[in-house]
């Protein structure tokens, strides 16, 4: 399934709304580094691959913008471990 994922710069997060509930991956940005701090999916939406879709979108955008990534969020760190194509983005 595909999700309409938006970059909500005012709240420093990538997000999507499904069935009226919002799932997101939050970050902090410092120069050319983006640090993912927390990924959250409401319990009602779990198991649909939403977190993975959000993180993939965010990492693809980081690559496109030539940003280094710090995976301070456990979910983002696990995602990168499982998807070797993103390991080159990691910093720190």
N, C-alpha and C. Protein backbone atom coordinates (compact mmCIF):
# COMPACT_ATOMS: atom_id res chain seq x y z
N UNK A 1 0.84 -1.19 0.00
CA UNK A 1 0.00 0.00 0.00
C UNK A 1 0.88 1.24 0.00
N UNK A 2 0.44 2.28 -0.64
CA UNK A 2 1.17 3.55 -0.65
C UNK A 2 0.44 4.56 0.24
N UNK A 3 1.24 5.44 0.81
CA UNK A 3 0.69 6.46 1.71
C UNK A 3 1.13 7.83 1.23
N UNK A 4 0.30 8.81 1.47
CA UNK A 4 0.60 10.19 1.12
C UNK A 4 1.42 10.78 2.26
N UNK A 5 2.74 10.79 2.09
CA UNK A 5 3.64 11.24 3.15
C UNK A 5 4.06 12.67 2.87
N UNK A 6 3.95 13.50 3.88
CA UNK A 6 4.29 14.92 3.75
C UNK A 6 5.45 15.27 4.67
N UNK A 7 6.23 16.25 4.24
CA UNK A 7 7.31 16.78 5.08
C UNK A 7 6.73 18.01 5.78
N UNK A 8 6.43 17.88 7.04
CA UNK A 8 5.88 18.97 7.83
C UNK A 8 7.05 19.70 8.49
N UNK A 9 7.62 20.65 7.77
CA UNK A 9 8.81 21.35 8.26
C UNK A 9 8.54 22.16 9.51
N UNK A 10 7.33 22.69 9.67
CA UNK A 10 7.03 23.51 10.85
C UNK A 10 7.05 22.69 12.13
N UNK A 11 6.81 21.37 12.03
CA UNK A 11 6.85 20.51 13.20
C UNK A 11 8.04 19.55 13.18
N UNK A 12 8.94 19.73 12.22
CA UNK A 12 10.14 18.89 12.09
C UNK A 12 9.79 17.40 12.07
N UNK A 13 8.93 17.03 11.14
CA UNK A 13 8.61 15.62 11.02
C UNK A 13 8.06 15.28 9.64
N UNK A 14 8.18 14.01 9.31
CA UNK A 14 7.55 13.44 8.13
C UNK A 14 6.32 12.72 8.65
N UNK A 15 5.19 12.88 7.94
CA UNK A 15 3.95 12.35 8.50
C UNK A 15 2.98 11.91 7.43
N UNK A 16 2.05 11.09 7.86
CA UNK A 16 0.92 10.71 7.03
C UNK A 16 -0.29 10.52 7.93
N UNK A 17 -1.45 10.78 7.38
CA UNK A 17 -2.69 10.59 8.13
C UNK A 17 -3.49 9.49 7.45
N UNK A 18 -3.87 8.50 8.23
CA UNK A 18 -4.64 7.36 7.75
C UNK A 18 -5.82 7.16 8.71
N UNK A 19 -7.00 7.06 8.16
CA UNK A 19 -8.20 6.86 8.97
C UNK A 19 -8.30 7.91 10.08
N UNK A 20 -7.90 9.15 9.79
CA UNK A 20 -8.00 10.24 10.74
C UNK A 20 -6.93 10.26 11.81
N UNK A 21 -5.98 9.34 11.75
CA UNK A 21 -4.89 9.26 12.74
C UNK A 21 -3.57 9.59 12.04
N UNK A 22 -2.68 10.30 12.74
CA UNK A 22 -1.41 10.71 12.16
C UNK A 22 -0.26 9.89 12.72
N UNK A 23 0.55 9.37 11.80
CA UNK A 23 1.79 8.67 12.13
C UNK A 23 2.93 9.56 11.66
N UNK A 24 4.08 9.52 12.37
CA UNK A 24 5.15 10.44 11.99
C UNK A 24 6.53 9.93 12.42
N UNK A 25 7.53 10.52 11.81
CA UNK A 25 8.92 10.36 12.23
C UNK A 25 9.47 11.77 12.44
N UNK A 26 9.85 12.07 13.68
CA UNK A 26 10.33 13.41 14.04
C UNK A 26 11.85 13.49 13.90
N UNK A 27 12.32 14.70 13.67
CA UNK A 27 13.76 14.90 13.47
C UNK A 27 14.19 16.27 13.95
N UNK A 28 15.50 16.41 14.10
CA UNK A 28 16.14 17.71 14.29
C UNK A 28 17.11 17.88 13.15
N UNK A 29 17.26 19.09 12.68
CA UNK A 29 18.17 19.36 11.56
C UNK A 29 19.23 20.34 12.03
N UNK A 30 20.49 20.01 11.73
CA UNK A 30 21.61 20.88 12.05
C UNK A 30 22.53 20.90 10.84
N UNK A 31 22.46 21.97 10.07
CA UNK A 31 23.27 22.06 8.85
C UNK A 31 22.93 20.96 7.88
N UNK A 32 23.93 20.16 7.53
CA UNK A 32 23.75 19.07 6.58
C UNK A 32 23.51 17.72 7.24
N UNK A 33 23.05 17.75 8.49
CA UNK A 33 22.77 16.52 9.22
C UNK A 33 21.33 16.54 9.73
N UNK A 34 20.64 15.42 9.53
CA UNK A 34 19.29 15.26 10.05
C UNK A 34 19.33 14.11 11.06
N UNK A 35 18.85 14.39 12.27
CA UNK A 35 18.83 13.40 13.34
C UNK A 35 17.39 12.98 13.59
N UNK A 36 17.08 11.73 13.31
CA UNK A 36 15.74 11.21 13.56
C UNK A 36 15.65 10.83 15.03
N UNK A 37 14.67 11.40 15.73
CA UNK A 37 14.57 11.25 17.18
C UNK A 37 13.44 10.34 17.65
N UNK A 38 12.39 10.21 16.86
CA UNK A 38 11.24 9.43 17.33
C UNK A 38 10.32 9.11 16.15
N UNK A 39 9.85 7.88 16.10
CA UNK A 39 8.86 7.48 15.11
C UNK A 39 7.67 6.91 15.87
N UNK A 40 6.48 7.37 15.49
CA UNK A 40 5.28 6.96 16.21
C UNK A 40 4.14 6.64 15.25
N UNK A 41 3.51 5.50 15.51
CA UNK A 41 2.32 5.09 14.75
C UNK A 41 1.23 4.78 15.78
N UNK A 42 0.06 5.40 15.64
CA UNK A 42 -1.02 5.09 16.58
C UNK A 42 -1.32 3.58 16.58
N UNK A 43 -1.66 3.02 17.73
CA UNK A 43 -1.92 1.58 17.83
C UNK A 43 -2.93 1.07 16.79
N UNK A 44 -3.91 1.88 16.47
CA UNK A 44 -4.94 1.47 15.50
C UNK A 44 -4.36 1.25 14.10
N UNK A 45 -3.20 1.84 13.83
CA UNK A 45 -2.60 1.77 12.49
C UNK A 45 -1.42 0.81 12.40
N UNK A 46 -1.03 0.24 13.52
CA UNK A 46 0.14 -0.64 13.53
C UNK A 46 -0.05 -1.85 12.62
N UNK A 47 1.06 -2.35 12.09
CA UNK A 47 1.03 -3.55 11.28
C UNK A 47 0.71 -3.32 9.81
N UNK A 48 0.64 -2.08 9.38
CA UNK A 48 0.31 -1.77 7.99
C UNK A 48 1.52 -1.30 7.19
N UNK A 49 2.70 -1.27 7.81
CA UNK A 49 3.90 -0.83 7.10
C UNK A 49 4.02 0.68 7.00
N UNK A 50 3.26 1.39 7.81
CA UNK A 50 3.25 2.85 7.73
C UNK A 50 4.57 3.45 8.20
N UNK A 51 5.10 2.99 9.32
CA UNK A 51 6.37 3.53 9.82
C UNK A 51 7.48 3.32 8.79
N UNK A 52 7.53 2.14 8.20
CA UNK A 52 8.54 1.85 7.18
C UNK A 52 8.41 2.77 5.98
N UNK A 53 7.18 3.03 5.56
CA UNK A 53 6.95 3.90 4.41
C UNK A 53 7.41 5.33 4.72
N UNK A 54 7.11 5.80 5.93
CA UNK A 54 7.52 7.15 6.32
C UNK A 54 9.05 7.25 6.37
N UNK A 55 9.69 6.28 7.00
CA UNK A 55 11.14 6.33 7.14
C UNK A 55 11.82 6.20 5.78
N UNK A 56 11.32 5.34 4.93
CA UNK A 56 11.88 5.22 3.57
C UNK A 56 11.79 6.56 2.85
N UNK A 57 10.65 7.19 2.91
CA UNK A 57 10.45 8.49 2.26
C UNK A 57 11.44 9.52 2.82
N UNK A 58 11.56 9.55 4.14
CA UNK A 58 12.46 10.52 4.78
C UNK A 58 13.92 10.27 4.40
N UNK A 59 14.32 9.01 4.37
CA UNK A 59 15.70 8.69 4.00
C UNK A 59 15.97 8.98 2.53
N UNK A 60 14.99 8.72 1.68
CA UNK A 60 15.15 9.06 0.27
C UNK A 60 15.30 10.57 0.08
N UNK A 61 14.55 11.34 0.85
CA UNK A 61 14.66 12.79 0.77
C UNK A 61 16.00 13.27 1.32
N UNK A 62 16.47 12.64 2.40
CA UNK A 62 17.79 12.99 2.95
C UNK A 62 18.86 12.75 1.89
N UNK A 63 18.77 11.62 1.19
CA UNK A 63 19.74 11.33 0.13
C UNK A 63 19.67 12.38 -0.97
N UNK A 64 18.47 12.71 -1.39
CA UNK A 64 18.28 13.69 -2.47
C UNK A 64 18.85 15.05 -2.09
N UNK A 65 18.79 15.38 -0.80
CA UNK A 65 19.29 16.68 -0.32
C UNK A 65 20.74 16.60 0.16
N UNK A 66 21.35 15.41 -0.01
CA UNK A 66 22.75 15.21 0.37
C UNK A 66 22.97 15.44 1.87
N UNK A 67 22.05 14.93 2.69
CA UNK A 67 22.15 15.08 4.14
C UNK A 67 22.71 13.81 4.77
N UNK A 68 23.51 14.00 5.81
CA UNK A 68 23.92 12.88 6.64
C UNK A 68 22.81 12.58 7.63
N UNK A 69 22.71 11.33 8.05
CA UNK A 69 21.63 10.89 8.93
C UNK A 69 22.21 10.35 10.24
N UNK A 70 21.60 10.78 11.34
CA UNK A 70 21.87 10.20 12.65
C UNK A 70 20.58 9.50 13.07
N UNK A 71 20.68 8.20 13.32
CA UNK A 71 19.51 7.40 13.66
C UNK A 71 19.40 7.27 15.18
N UNK A 72 19.01 8.36 15.84
CA UNK A 72 18.82 8.34 17.29
C UNK A 72 17.53 7.62 17.66
N UNK A 73 16.62 7.50 16.73
CA UNK A 73 15.36 6.77 16.90
C UNK A 73 15.63 5.29 16.68
N UNK A 74 15.19 4.46 17.61
CA UNK A 74 15.42 3.01 17.51
C UNK A 74 14.79 2.42 16.24
N UNK A 75 13.62 2.92 15.85
CA UNK A 75 12.98 2.38 14.65
C UNK A 75 13.80 2.71 13.40
N UNK A 76 14.26 3.95 13.29
CA UNK A 76 15.07 4.34 12.13
C UNK A 76 16.37 3.53 12.10
N UNK A 77 16.99 3.35 13.25
CA UNK A 77 18.23 2.56 13.31
C UNK A 77 17.97 1.12 12.85
N UNK A 78 16.89 0.51 13.29
CA UNK A 78 16.55 -0.85 12.87
C UNK A 78 16.25 -0.90 11.38
N UNK A 79 15.56 0.12 10.87
CA UNK A 79 15.22 0.17 9.45
C UNK A 79 16.50 0.20 8.61
N UNK A 80 17.44 1.02 9.01
CA UNK A 80 18.70 1.13 8.25
C UNK A 80 19.49 -0.17 8.33
N UNK A 81 19.47 -0.83 9.48
CA UNK A 81 20.16 -2.13 9.59
C UNK A 81 19.58 -3.14 8.61
N UNK A 82 18.27 -3.10 8.40
CA UNK A 82 17.60 -4.05 7.51
C UNK A 82 17.68 -3.64 6.04
N UNK A 83 17.96 -2.39 5.76
CA UNK A 83 18.00 -1.87 4.40
C UNK A 83 19.37 -1.26 4.13
N UNK A 84 20.30 -2.11 3.75
CA UNK A 84 21.70 -1.72 3.58
C UNK A 84 21.91 -0.54 2.64
N UNK A 85 21.00 -0.33 1.71
CA UNK A 85 21.15 0.75 0.75
C UNK A 85 21.15 2.13 1.39
N UNK A 86 20.78 2.22 2.68
CA UNK A 86 20.77 3.51 3.38
C UNK A 86 21.94 3.69 4.34
N UNK A 87 22.74 2.67 4.52
CA UNK A 87 23.84 2.74 5.50
C UNK A 87 24.85 3.84 5.18
N UNK A 88 25.04 4.13 3.91
CA UNK A 88 26.01 5.17 3.55
C UNK A 88 25.58 6.56 4.02
N UNK A 89 24.32 6.73 4.38
CA UNK A 89 23.83 8.01 4.86
C UNK A 89 24.20 8.28 6.31
N UNK A 90 24.50 7.22 7.06
CA UNK A 90 24.70 7.35 8.50
C UNK A 90 25.93 8.15 8.87
N UNK A 91 25.75 8.98 9.88
CA UNK A 91 26.83 9.78 10.48
C UNK A 91 26.77 9.56 11.98
N UNK A 92 27.89 9.59 12.60
CA UNK A 92 27.94 9.52 14.06
C UNK A 92 27.53 8.25 14.65
